[in-house]
Amino acid sequence: MTNQAIIDEIRRLKAERNACILAHYYTIPEIQDLADHVGDSLALARIATKLEEPIVVMCGVHFMAETVKMLAPDKTVLEPAPDAGCSLADSCDPVEFEAFVKARPGHTVISYVNTSAAVKALTDIVVTSGNACEIVGSMPADEKIIFGPDRNLGSYINSITGRDMVLWDGACHVHEQFSLDAILKLKAEHPDALLLVHPECPRPVRLVADKIGSTAALLKFAMASDAREFIVATESGILHKMQNACPDKLFIPAPPENGGGCACNNCSYMKLNTLERLRDCLRDLAPQVEIDGALAESARRPIDRMLDLSAKLGL
């Protein structure tokens, strides 16, 4: 069956099921084009609280599907790729994280949204890369904070807010692979290009960035900028949306170190969301996301707090 035939079938099934498709910027272009809403974690979390359709398909990774289910517990939430994990979420084992927190009493626990429901349940406030600096910055200056699981994002927040948060030692396998040397070589080939960097990247890469921000913030910057060329140091899926939004501009994916000839950096987990799997989950209404009720209630509280704080801060 051709891609177009599968796409047509997905559209038919979506209409028949009265389903809504959510997709992260890092999924393949074909899925982004089919989705009702494409966004980063903060945008998709907000959308999940306002959906009218009874069936929601989350094309992303497992923690995103968990988050949608927690925010829309009355919906049937499907995930085309239940095996799509997240190296960052996997770097924070809930049992170990609980011990880490208990060893540091008196700290407010802030967790990145890229975590399991079990870790969120140990958390006071969840943040995304799009609101982390503002939320941390709004807290009392003397507040003691534990931040997990991304050490790179945590160090970036510390540098912006002047805090000294205790950081869990986790990282994203995609953003960790960007190297300063490879980016500087690419910059020499494109001297007029601006460097767009996600805060999950290591500090040496962040130091040479022209703009640091979440995927949504990088997209917004590129759309507003007068520059014509950009080097993009985040997962390559965002380039599809950037190119569509700015067809007259050039977007160059930053290469990973030891990329084996690959000129871009892909999240292998996100790419497990395929057209075939999206079609199958709409056809079979499976796999469905289920979360224990008590766990879901505990894990949702810090997400709700994030959404409330984001609204108050005008984010």
C-alpha atoms as a PDB file:
ATOM      1  CA  MET A   1       0.000   0.000   0.000  1.00  0.00           C
ATOM      2  CA  THR A   2       1.342   3.437  -0.897  1.00  0.00           C
ATOM      3  CA  ASN A   3       1.832   6.206   1.649  1.00  0.00           C
ATOM      4  CA  GLN A   4      -1.000   8.148   0.061  1.00  0.00           C
ATOM      5  CA  ALA A   5      -3.369   5.207   0.429  1.00  0.00           C
ATOM      6  CA  ILE A   6      -2.456   4.898   4.114  1.00  0.00           C
ATOM      7  CA  ILE A   7      -2.915   8.641   4.599  1.00  0.00           C
ATOM      8  CA  ASP A   8      -6.358   8.471   2.996  1.00  0.00           C
ATOM      9  CA  GLU A   9      -7.283   5.571   5.281  1.00  0.00           C
ATOM     10  CA  ILE A  10      -6.091   7.471   8.360  1.00  0.00           C
ATOM     11  CA  ARG A  11      -8.219  10.469   7.421  1.00  0.00           C
ATOM     12  CA  ARG A  12     -11.239   8.228   6.899  1.00  0.00           C
ATOM     13  CA  LEU A  13     -10.759   6.429  10.211  1.00  0.00           C
ATOM     14  CA  LYS A  14     -10.168   9.699  12.063  1.00  0.00           C
ATOM     15  CA  ALA A  15     -13.474  11.071  10.794  1.00  0.00           C
ATOM     16  CA  GLU A  16     -15.346   7.841  11.554  1.00  0.00           C
ATOM     17  CA  ARG A  17     -13.943   7.662  15.085  1.00  0.00           C
ATOM     18  CA  ASN A  18     -14.340  11.396  15.741  1.00  0.00           C
ATOM     19  CA  ALA A  19     -10.731  11.349  16.849  1.00  0.00           C
ATOM     20  CA  CYS A  20      -8.173  14.097  17.381  1.00  0.00           C
ATOM     21  CA  ILE A  21      -4.532  13.537  16.446  1.00  0.00           C
ATOM     22  CA  LEU A  22      -1.816  15.294  18.456  1.00  0.00           C
ATOM     23  CA  ALA A  23       1.785  15.201  17.256  1.00  0.00           C
ATOM     24  CA  HIS A  24       5.061  16.476  18.597  1.00  0.00           C
ATOM     25  CA  TYR A  25       7.378  18.506  16.379  1.00  0.00           C
ATOM     26  CA  TYR A  26       9.844  15.587  16.350  1.00  0.00           C
ATOM     27  CA  THR A  27       7.560  13.112  14.579  1.00  0.00           C
ATOM     28  CA  ILE A  28       7.894  12.431  10.850  1.00  0.00           C
ATOM     29  CA  PRO A  29       6.583  15.122   8.454  1.00  0.00           C
ATOM     30  CA  GLU A  30       3.733  12.936   7.179  1.00  0.00           C
ATOM     31  CA  ILE A  31       2.309  12.575  10.684  1.00  0.00           C
ATOM     32  CA  GLN A  32       2.734  16.277  11.438  1.00  0.00           C
ATOM     33  CA  ASP A  33       0.771  17.062   8.274  1.00  0.00           C
ATOM     34  CA  LEU A  34      -2.046  14.712   9.339  1.00  0.00           C
ATOM     35  CA  ALA A  35      -2.280  15.967  12.911  1.00  0.00           C
ATOM     36  CA  ASP A  36      -4.978  18.302  14.171  1.00  0.00           C
ATOM     37  CA  HIS A  37      -2.455  19.916  16.513  1.00  0.00           C
ATOM     38  CA  VAL A  38       1.354  19.941  16.341  1.00  0.00           C
ATOM     39  CA  GLY A  39       3.366  21.401  19.177  1.00  0.00           C
ATOM     40  CA  ASP A  40       5.882  21.090  21.957  1.00  0.00           C
ATOM     41  CA  SER A  41       5.131  19.587  25.353  1.00  0.00           C
ATOM     42  CA  LEU A  42       3.616  22.744  26.862  1.00  0.00           C
ATOM     43  CA  ALA A  43       1.304  23.402  23.915  1.00  0.00           C
ATOM     44  CA  LEU A  44       0.137  19.794  23.746  1.00  0.00           C
ATOM     45  CA  ALA A  45      -0.495  19.719  27.506  1.00  0.00           C
ATOM     46  CA  ARG A  46      -2.695  22.792  27.220  1.00  0.00           C
ATOM     47  CA  ILE A  47      -4.568  21.372  24.248  1.00  0.00           C
ATOM     48  CA  ALA A  48      -5.206  18.101  26.105  1.00  0.00           C
ATOM     49  CA  THR A  49      -7.255  19.955  28.731  1.00  0.00           C
ATOM     50  CA  LYS A  50      -9.596  21.459  26.114  1.00  0.00           C
ATOM     51  CA  LEU A  51     -10.294  18.645  23.669  1.00  0.00           C
ATOM     52  CA  GLU A  52     -13.878  17.863  22.679  1.00  0.00           C
ATOM     53  CA  GLU A  53     -13.282  14.659  20.688  1.00  0.00           C
ATOM     54  CA  PRO A  54     -13.809  11.417  22.649  1.00  0.00           C
ATOM     55  CA  ILE A  55     -10.704   9.767  21.164  1.00  0.00           C
ATOM     56  CA  VAL A  56      -7.216  11.282  21.245  1.00  0.00           C
ATOM     57  CA  VAL A  57      -4.180   9.872  19.457  1.00  0.00           C
ATOM     58  CA  MET A  58      -0.843  11.056  20.859  1.00  0.00           C
ATOM     59  CA  CYS A  59       1.956  10.712  18.331  1.00  0.00           C
ATOM     60  CA  GLY A  60       5.074  11.202  20.387  1.00  0.00           C
ATOM     61  CA  VAL A  61       6.712   9.216  23.162  1.00  0.00           C
ATOM     62  CA  HIS A  62       5.128   7.344  26.055  1.00  0.00           C
ATOM     63  CA  PHE A  63       5.421  10.021  28.745  1.00  0.00           C
ATOM     64  CA  MET A  64       3.514  12.411  26.445  1.00  0.00           C
ATOM     65  CA  ALA A  65       0.671   9.904  26.060  1.00  0.00           C
ATOM     66  CA  GLU A  66       0.647   9.458  29.848  1.00  0.00           C
ATOM     67  CA  THR A  67       0.375  13.219  30.286  1.00  0.00           C
ATOM     68  CA  VAL A  68      -2.544  13.457  27.866  1.00  0.00           C
ATOM     69  CA  LYS A  69      -4.373  10.675  29.716  1.00  0.00           C
ATOM     70  CA  MET A  70      -3.822  12.363  33.061  1.00  0.00           C
ATOM     71  CA  LEU A  71      -5.117  15.680  31.754  1.00  0.00           C
ATOM     72  CA  ALA A  72      -8.019  14.115  29.851  1.00  0.00           C
ATOM     73  CA  PRO A  73      -8.964  11.064  31.950  1.00  0.00           C
ATOM     74  CA  ASP A  74     -12.406  10.761  30.378  1.00  0.00           C
ATOM     75  CA  LYS A  75     -10.951  10.364  26.879  1.00  0.00           C
ATOM     76  CA  THR A  76      -9.817   7.225  25.105  1.00  0.00           C
ATOM     77  CA  VAL A  77      -6.121   7.984  24.616  1.00  0.00           C
ATOM     78  CA  LEU A  78      -4.263   5.987  21.984  1.00  0.00           C
ATOM     79  CA  GLU A  79      -0.521   5.825  21.319  1.00  0.00           C
ATOM     80  CA  PRO A  80       0.626   4.391  17.986  1.00  0.00           C
ATOM     81  CA  ALA A  81       4.044   3.505  19.407  1.00  0.00           C
ATOM     82  CA  PRO A  82       3.811   2.333  23.034  1.00  0.00           C
ATOM     83  CA  ASP A  83       7.428   1.208  22.717  1.00  0.00           C
ATOM     84  CA  ALA A  84       8.520   4.804  22.074  1.00  0.00           C
ATOM     85  CA  GLY A  85      10.365   5.560  25.270  1.00  0.00           C
ATOM     86  CA  CYS A  86      12.556   8.544  26.084  1.00  0.00           C
ATOM     87  CA  SER A  87      16.222   8.362  27.020  1.00  0.00           C
ATOM     88  CA  LEU A  88      15.794  11.342  29.325  1.00  0.00           C
ATOM     89  CA  ALA A  89      12.784   9.898  31.131  1.00  0.00           C
ATOM     90  CA  ASP A  90      14.571   6.537  31.324  1.00  0.00           C
ATOM     91  CA  SER A  91      17.588   8.224  32.954  1.00  0.00           C
ATOM     92  CA  CYS A  92      15.463   8.971  36.035  1.00  0.00           C
ATOM     93  CA  ASP A  93      14.388   5.794  37.809  1.00  0.00           C
ATOM     94  CA  PRO A  94      11.557   6.655  40.231  1.00  0.00           C
ATOM     95  CA  VAL A  95      12.927   4.527  43.076  1.00  0.00           C
ATOM     96  CA  GLU A  96      16.359   6.141  42.795  1.00  0.00           C
ATOM     97  CA  PHE A  97      14.854   9.596  42.376  1.00  0.00           C
ATOM     98  CA  GLU A  98      12.725   9.142  45.504  1.00  0.00           C
ATOM     99  CA  ALA A  99      15.843   8.243  47.470  1.00  0.00           C
ATOM    100  CA  PHE A 100      17.635  11.281  45.981  1.00  0.00           C
ATOM    101  CA  VAL A 101      14.785  13.546  47.125  1.00  0.00           C
ATOM    102  CA  LYS A 102      14.492  12.013  50.599  1.00  0.00           C
ATOM    103  CA  ALA A 103      18.225  12.544  51.142  1.00  0.00           C
ATOM    104  CA  ARG A 104      17.646  16.290  50.627  1.00  0.00           C
ATOM    105  CA  PRO A 105      14.748  17.310  52.876  1.00  0.00           C
ATOM    106  CA  GLY A 106      13.402  20.837  52.657  1.00  0.00           C
ATOM    107  CA  HIS A 107      13.788  21.096  48.875  1.00  0.00           C
ATOM    108  CA  THR A 108      11.065  21.902  46.383  1.00  0.00           C
ATOM    109  CA  VAL A 109      11.116  19.246  43.655  1.00  0.00           C
ATOM    110  CA  ILE A 110      10.837  20.500  40.086  1.00  0.00           C
ATOM    111  CA  SER A 111      10.761  17.914  37.309  1.00  0.00           C
ATOM    112  CA  TYR A 112      10.969  18.336  33.576  1.00  0.00           C
ATOM    113  CA  VAL A 113       7.902  17.081  31.729  1.00  0.00           C
ATOM    114  CA  ASN A 114      10.160  14.440  30.106  1.00  0.00           C
ATOM    115  CA  THR A 115       9.606  12.051  33.007  1.00  0.00           C
ATOM    116  CA  SER A 116       7.403   9.099  33.858  1.00  0.00           C
ATOM    117  CA  ALA A 117       4.151   9.458  35.773  1.00  0.00           C
ATOM    118  CA  ALA A 118       5.891   7.823  38.751  1.00  0.00           C
ATOM    119  CA  VAL A 119       8.526  10.574  38.848  1.00  0.00           C
ATOM    120  CA  LYS A 120       5.907  13.291  38.379  1.00  0.00           C
ATOM    121  CA  ALA A 121       4.122  11.884  41.427  1.00  0.00           C
ATOM    122  CA  LEU A 122       7.271  12.675  43.470  1.00  0.00           C
ATOM    123  CA  THR A 123       7.312  16.232  42.139  1.00  0.00           C
ATOM    124  CA  ASP A 124       5.974  19.578  43.364  1.00  0.00           C
ATOM    125  CA  ILE A 125       5.983  21.372  40.001  1.00  0.00           C
ATOM    126  CA  VAL A 126       6.458  20.087  36.459  1.00  0.00           C
ATOM    127  CA  VAL A 127       8.062  22.391  33.887  1.00  0.00           C
ATOM    128  CA  THR A 128       8.810  22.343  30.174  1.00  0.00           C
ATOM    129  CA  SER A 129      11.722  23.899  28.327  1.00  0.00           C
ATOM    130  CA  GLY A 130       9.312  26.664  27.321  1.00  0.00           C
ATOM    131  CA  ASN A 131       8.474  27.793  30.860  1.00  0.00           C
ATOM    132  CA  ALA A 132      11.173  26.421  33.173  1.00  0.00           C
ATOM    133  CA  CYS A 133      13.249  29.604  33.547  1.00  0.00           C
ATOM    134  CA  GLU A 134      10.215  31.763  34.237  1.00  0.00           C
ATOM    135  CA  ILE A 135       8.680  29.360  36.759  1.00  0.00           C
ATOM    136  CA  VAL A 136      11.964  28.857  38.642  1.00  0.00           C
ATOM    137  CA  GLY A 137      12.642  32.594  38.479  1.00  0.00           C
ATOM    138  CA  SER A 138       9.259  33.350  40.048  1.00  0.00           C
ATOM    139  CA  MET A 139      10.096  31.371  43.186  1.00  0.00           C
ATOM    140  CA  PRO A 140      11.651  32.936  46.316  1.00  0.00           C
ATOM    141  CA  ALA A 141      15.377  33.497  45.877  1.00  0.00           C
ATOM    142  CA  ASP A 142      16.244  31.453  48.963  1.00  0.00           C
ATOM    143  CA  GLU A 143      14.076  28.453  48.031  1.00  0.00           C
ATOM    144  CA  LYS A 144      16.060  25.225  47.882  1.00  0.00           C
ATOM    145  CA  ILE A 145      15.256  23.298  44.706  1.00  0.00           C
ATOM    146  CA  ILE A 146      15.932  19.849  43.297  1.00  0.00           C
ATOM    147  CA  PHE A 147      15.690  19.721  39.504  1.00  0.00           C
ATOM    148  CA  GLY A 148      15.547  16.584  37.385  1.00  0.00           C
ATOM    149  CA  PRO A 149      16.231  14.808  35.236  1.00  0.00           C
ATOM    150  CA  ASP A 150      18.109  16.894  32.627  1.00  0.00           C
ATOM    151  CA  ARG A 151      21.453  18.233  33.874  1.00  0.00           C
ATOM    152  CA  ASN A 152      21.912  20.382  30.763  1.00  0.00           C
ATOM    153  CA  LEU A 153      18.534  22.094  31.047  1.00  0.00           C
ATOM    154  CA  GLY A 154      19.091  22.411  34.790  1.00  0.00           C
ATOM    155  CA  SER A 155      22.447  24.128  34.360  1.00  0.00           C
ATOM    156  CA  TYR A 156      20.902  26.460  31.775  1.00  0.00           C
ATOM    157  CA  ILE A 157      18.104  27.408  34.202  1.00  0.00           C
ATOM    158  CA  ASN A 158      20.714  28.036  36.915  1.00  0.00           C
ATOM    159  CA  SER A 159      22.698  30.298  34.574  1.00  0.00           C
ATOM    160  CA  ILE A 160      19.632  32.345  33.629  1.00  0.00           C
ATOM    161  CA  THR A 161      18.013  32.614  37.066  1.00  0.00           C
ATOM    162  CA  GLY A 162      21.131  32.736  39.247  1.00  0.00           C
ATOM    163  CA  ARG A 163      19.868  29.737  41.234  1.00  0.00           C
ATOM    164  CA  ASP A 164      21.922  26.834  42.531  1.00  0.00           C
ATOM    165  CA  MET A 165      19.458  24.000  42.057  1.00  0.00           C
ATOM    166  CA  VAL A 166      20.565  20.486  42.932  1.00  0.00           C
ATOM    167  CA  LEU A 167      20.601  18.625  39.601  1.00  0.00           C
ATOM    168  CA  TRP A 168      19.793  15.007  38.832  1.00  0.00           C
ATOM    169  CA  ASP A 169      22.397  13.606  36.432  1.00  0.00           C
ATOM    170  CA  GLY A 170      20.288  12.753  33.367  1.00  0.00           C
ATOM    171  CA  ALA A 171      20.427  13.774  29.719  1.00  0.00           C
ATOM    172  CA  CYS A 172      18.710  13.386  26.344  1.00  0.00           C
ATOM    173  CA  HIS A 173      20.587  11.140  23.925  1.00  0.00           C
ATOM    174  CA  VAL A 174      19.676  13.387  20.982  1.00  0.00           C
ATOM    175  CA  HIS A 175      20.818  16.718  22.401  1.00  0.00           C
ATOM    176  CA  GLU A 176      23.810  15.228  24.207  1.00  0.00           C
ATOM    177  CA  GLN A 177      25.276  14.158  20.844  1.00  0.00           C
ATOM    178  CA  PHE A 178      25.690  17.656  19.443  1.00  0.00           C
ATOM    179  CA  SER A 179      29.354  18.648  19.463  1.00  0.00           C
ATOM    180  CA  LEU A 180      30.850  22.127  19.480  1.00  0.00           C
ATOM    181  CA  ASP A 181      33.493  21.177  16.898  1.00  0.00           C
ATOM    182  CA  ALA A 182      30.949  19.872  14.374  1.00  0.00           C
ATOM    183  CA  ILE A 183      28.761  22.933  14.792  1.00  0.00           C
ATOM    184  CA  LEU A 184      31.673  25.364  14.461  1.00  0.00           C
ATOM    185  CA  LYS A 185      32.739  23.655  11.230  1.00  0.00           C
ATOM    186  CA  LEU A 186      29.209  24.008   9.894  1.00  0.00           C
ATOM    187  CA  LYS A 187      29.125  27.629  11.031  1.00  0.00           C
ATOM    188  CA  ALA A 188      32.343  28.305   9.082  1.00  0.00           C
ATOM    189  CA  GLU A 189      30.616  26.971   5.956  1.00  0.00           C
ATOM    190  CA  HIS A 190      27.583  29.185   6.602  1.00  0.00           C
ATOM    191  CA  PRO A 191      28.969  32.314   8.294  1.00  0.00           C
ATOM    192  CA  ASP A 192      25.697  34.251   8.009  1.00  0.00           C
ATOM    193  CA  ALA A 193      23.597  31.516   9.605  1.00  0.00           C
ATOM    194  CA  LEU A 194      22.210  32.000  13.103  1.00  0.00           C
ATOM    195  CA  LEU A 195      22.588  29.091  15.503  1.00  0.00           C
ATOM    196  CA  LEU A 196      19.349  27.940  17.192  1.00  0.00           C
ATOM    197  CA  VAL A 197      19.945  25.699  20.218  1.00  0.00           C
ATOM    198  CA  HIS A 198      17.657  23.738  22.518  1.00  0.00           C
ATOM    199  CA  PRO A 199      18.538  24.108  26.228  1.00  0.00           C
ATOM    200  CA  GLU A 200      18.924  20.330  26.552  1.00  0.00           C
ATOM    201  CA  CYS A 201      22.199  20.724  24.611  1.00  0.00           C
ATOM    202  CA  PRO A 202      25.516  20.708  26.508  1.00  0.00           C
ATOM    203  CA  ARG A 203      26.840  24.028  27.794  1.00  0.00           C
ATOM    204  CA  PRO A 204      29.645  24.467  25.179  1.00  0.00           C
ATOM    205  CA  VAL A 205      27.014  24.361  22.413  1.00  0.00           C
ATOM    206  CA  ARG A 206      24.725  26.750  24.280  1.00  0.00           C
ATOM    207  CA  LEU A 207      27.552  29.249  24.705  1.00  0.00           C
ATOM    208  CA  VAL A 208      27.846  29.835  20.941  1.00  0.00           C
ATOM    209  CA  ALA A 209      24.089  30.007  20.290  1.00  0.00           C
ATOM    210  CA  ASP A 210      22.337  33.012  18.821  1.00  0.00           C
ATOM    211  CA  LYS A 211      19.059  31.805  20.331  1.00  0.00           C
ATOM    212  CA  ILE A 212      18.369  29.242  23.053  1.00  0.00           C
ATOM    213  CA  GLY A 213      14.822  28.023  23.502  1.00  0.00           C
ATOM    214  CA  SER A 214      12.210  25.302  23.326  1.00  0.00           C
ATOM    215  CA  THR A 215      11.188  23.969  19.933  1.00  0.00           C
ATOM    216  CA  ALA A 216       8.255  26.383  19.876  1.00  0.00           C
ATOM    217  CA  ALA A 217      10.489  29.309  20.861  1.00  0.00           C
ATOM    218  CA  LEU A 218      13.052  28.446  18.180  1.00  0.00           C
ATOM    219  CA  LEU A 219      10.292  28.246  15.565  1.00  0.00           C
ATOM    220  CA  LYS A 220       8.892  31.607  16.655  1.00  0.00           C
ATOM    221  CA  PHE A 221      12.351  33.195  16.557  1.00  0.00           C
ATOM    222  CA  ALA A 222      13.054  31.884  13.063  1.00  0.00           C
ATOM    223  CA  MET A 223       9.724  33.205  11.787  1.00  0.00           C
ATOM    224  CA  ALA A 224      10.360  36.691  13.210  1.00  0.00           C
ATOM    225  CA  SER A 225      14.054  36.970  12.305  1.00  0.00           C
ATOM    226  CA  ASP A 226      15.370  38.844   9.276  1.00  0.00           C
ATOM    227  CA  ALA A 227      18.118  36.236   8.907  1.00  0.00           C
ATOM    228  CA  ARG A 228      17.901  33.945   5.894  1.00  0.00           C
ATOM    229  CA  GLU A 229      19.905  30.964   7.188  1.00  0.00           C
ATOM    230  CA  PHE A 230      19.747  29.008  10.438  1.00  0.00           C
ATOM    231  CA  ILE A 231      21.672  26.088  11.914  1.00  0.00           C
ATOM    232  CA  VAL A 232      19.291  24.131  14.139  1.00  0.00           C
ATOM    233  CA  ALA A 233      20.647  22.166  17.113  1.00  0.00           C
ATOM    234  CA  THR A 234      17.671  20.107  18.198  1.00  0.00           C
ATOM    235  CA  GLU A 235      15.868  17.035  16.894  1.00  0.00           C
ATOM    236  CA  SER A 236      15.560  17.346  13.109  1.00  0.00           C
ATOM    237  CA  GLY A 237      11.776  16.887  13.030  1.00  0.00           C
ATOM    238  CA  ILE A 238      11.276  20.585  13.817  1.00  0.00           C
ATOM    239  CA  LEU A 239      12.833  21.518  10.469  1.00  0.00           C
ATOM    240  CA  HIS A 240       9.653  20.417   8.669  1.00  0.00           C
ATOM    241  CA  LYS A 241       7.550  22.980  10.522  1.00  0.00           C
ATOM    242  CA  MET A 242      10.252  25.644  10.191  1.00  0.00           C
ATOM    243  CA  GLN A 243      10.540  25.143   6.445  1.00  0.00           C
ATOM    244  CA  ASN A 244       6.774  25.206   5.980  1.00  0.00           C
ATOM    245  CA  ALA A 245       6.484  28.398   8.029  1.00  0.00           C
ATOM    246  CA  CYS A 246       9.450  30.073   6.308  1.00  0.00           C
ATOM    247  CA  PRO A 247       9.750  28.657   2.768  1.00  0.00           C
ATOM    248  CA  ASP A 248      12.173  31.392   1.716  1.00  0.00           C
ATOM    249  CA  LYS A 249      14.689  30.594   4.469  1.00  0.00           C
ATOM    250  CA  LEU A 250      17.335  27.872   4.753  1.00  0.00           C
ATOM    251  CA  PHE A 251      17.343  25.574   7.788  1.00  0.00           C
ATOM    252  CA  ILE A 252      20.406  23.389   8.280  1.00  0.00           C
ATOM    253  CA  PRO A 253      20.340  20.538  10.814  1.00  0.00           C
ATOM    254  CA  ALA A 254      23.310  20.536  13.164  1.00  0.00           C
ATOM    255  CA  PRO A 255      25.119  17.208  12.871  1.00  0.00           C
ATOM    256  CA  PRO A 256      25.748  14.874  15.793  1.00  0.00           C
ATOM    257  CA  GLU A 257      29.278  13.926  16.711  1.00  0.00           C
ATOM    258  CA  ASN A 258      30.298  10.631  15.079  1.00  0.00           C
ATOM    259  CA  GLY A 259      27.108  10.709  13.059  1.00  0.00           C
ATOM    260  CA  GLY A 260      28.267   7.990  10.709  1.00  0.00           C
ATOM    261  CA  GLY A 261      27.532  10.119   7.672  1.00  0.00           C
ATOM    262  CA  CYS A 262      24.151  11.346   8.950  1.00  0.00           C
ATOM    263  CA  ALA A 263      23.794  15.102   8.537  1.00  0.00           C
ATOM    264  CA  CYS A 264      21.080  15.416  11.177  1.00  0.00           C
ATOM    265  CA  ASN A 265      20.199  14.231  14.653  1.00  0.00           C
ATOM    266  CA  ASN A 266      17.073  12.080  14.974  1.00  0.00           C
ATOM    267  CA  CYS A 267      15.211  10.727  17.996  1.00  0.00           C
ATOM    268  CA  SER A 268      14.849   7.047  17.219  1.00  0.00           C
ATOM    269  CA  TYR A 269      11.913   6.824  19.635  1.00  0.00           C
ATOM    270  CA  MET A 270       9.892   9.565  17.929  1.00  0.00           C
ATOM    271  CA  LYS A 271      10.458   7.902  14.578  1.00  0.00           C
ATOM    272  CA  LEU A 272       8.696   4.756  15.851  1.00  0.00           C
ATOM    273  CA  ASN A 273       5.479   6.649  15.112  1.00  0.00           C
ATOM    274  CA  THR A 274       4.792   5.565  11.528  1.00  0.00           C
ATOM    275  CA  LEU A 275       1.843   5.985   9.204  1.00  0.00           C
ATOM    276  CA  GLU A 276       1.089   2.271   9.445  1.00  0.00           C
ATOM    277  CA  ARG A 277       1.028   2.321  13.245  1.00  0.00           C
ATOM    278  CA  LEU A 278      -1.133   5.446  13.297  1.00  0.00           C
ATOM    279  CA  ARG A 279      -3.617   3.768  10.936  1.00  0.00           C
ATOM    280  CA  ASP A 280      -3.644   0.563  12.953  1.00  0.00           C
ATOM    281  CA  CYS A 281      -4.307   2.262  16.289  1.00  0.00           C
ATOM    282  CA  LEU A 282      -7.242   4.200  14.823  1.00  0.00           C
ATOM    283  CA  ARG A 283      -8.600   1.035  13.227  1.00  0.00           C
ATOM    284  CA  ASP A 284      -8.213  -1.148  16.327  1.00  0.00           C
ATOM    285  CA  LEU A 285      -8.638   1.539  19.009  1.00  0.00           C
ATOM    286  CA  ALA A 286      -5.454   0.181  20.528  1.00  0.00           C
ATOM    287  CA  PRO A 287      -3.008   0.433  22.190  1.00  0.00           C
ATOM    288  CA  GLN A 288      -4.850   2.479  24.806  1.00  0.00           C
ATOM    289  CA  VAL A 289      -3.105   4.353  27.609  1.00  0.00           C
ATOM    290  CA  GLU A 290      -4.186   3.359  31.113  1.00  0.00           C
ATOM    291  CA  ILE A 291      -2.781   4.758  34.359  1.00  0.00           C
ATOM    292  CA  ASP A 292      -3.555   3.691  37.910  1.00  0.00           C
ATOM    293  CA  GLY A 293      -6.050   6.159  39.378  1.00  0.00           C
ATOM    294  CA  ALA A 294      -4.067   7.067  42.496  1.00  0.00           C
ATOM    295  CA  LEU A 295      -0.852   7.471  40.509  1.00  0.00           C
ATOM    296  CA  ALA A 296      -2.597   9.611  37.892  1.00  0.00           C
ATOM    297  CA  GLU A 297      -4.040  11.885  40.585  1.00  0.00           C
ATOM    298  CA  SER A 298      -0.642  12.349  42.258  1.00  0.00           C
ATOM    299  CA  ALA A 299       1.156  12.906  38.952  1.00  0.00           C
ATOM    300  CA  ARG A 300      -1.415  15.362  37.651  1.00  0.00           C
ATOM    301  CA  ARG A 301      -1.123  17.782  40.583  1.00  0.00           C
ATOM    302  CA  PRO A 302       2.322  19.154  39.617  1.00  0.00           C
ATOM    303  CA  ILE A 303       1.205  19.434  35.972  1.00  0.00           C
ATOM    304  CA  ASP A 304      -1.856  21.446  36.996  1.00  0.00           C
ATOM    305  CA  ARG A 305       0.393  23.640  39.119  1.00  0.00           C
ATOM    306  CA  MET A 306       2.610  24.244  36.075  1.00  0.00           C
ATOM    307  CA  LEU A 307      -0.376  25.205  33.940  1.00  0.00           C
ATOM    308  CA  ASP A 308      -1.683  27.548  36.636  1.00  0.00           C
ATOM    309  CA  LEU A 309       1.716  29.212  37.121  1.00  0.00           C
ATOM    310  CA  SER A 310       2.208  29.532  33.363  1.00  0.00           C
ATOM    311  CA  ALA A 311      -1.134  31.297  33.042  1.00  0.00           C
ATOM    312  CA  LYS A 312      -0.334  33.659  35.940  1.00  0.00           C
ATOM    313  CA  LEU A 313       3.063  34.471  34.437  1.00  0.00           C
ATOM    314  CA  GLY A 314       1.540  35.063  31.009  1.00  0.00           C
ATOM    315  CA  LEU A 315       3.472  32.260  29.351  1.00  0.00           C
END
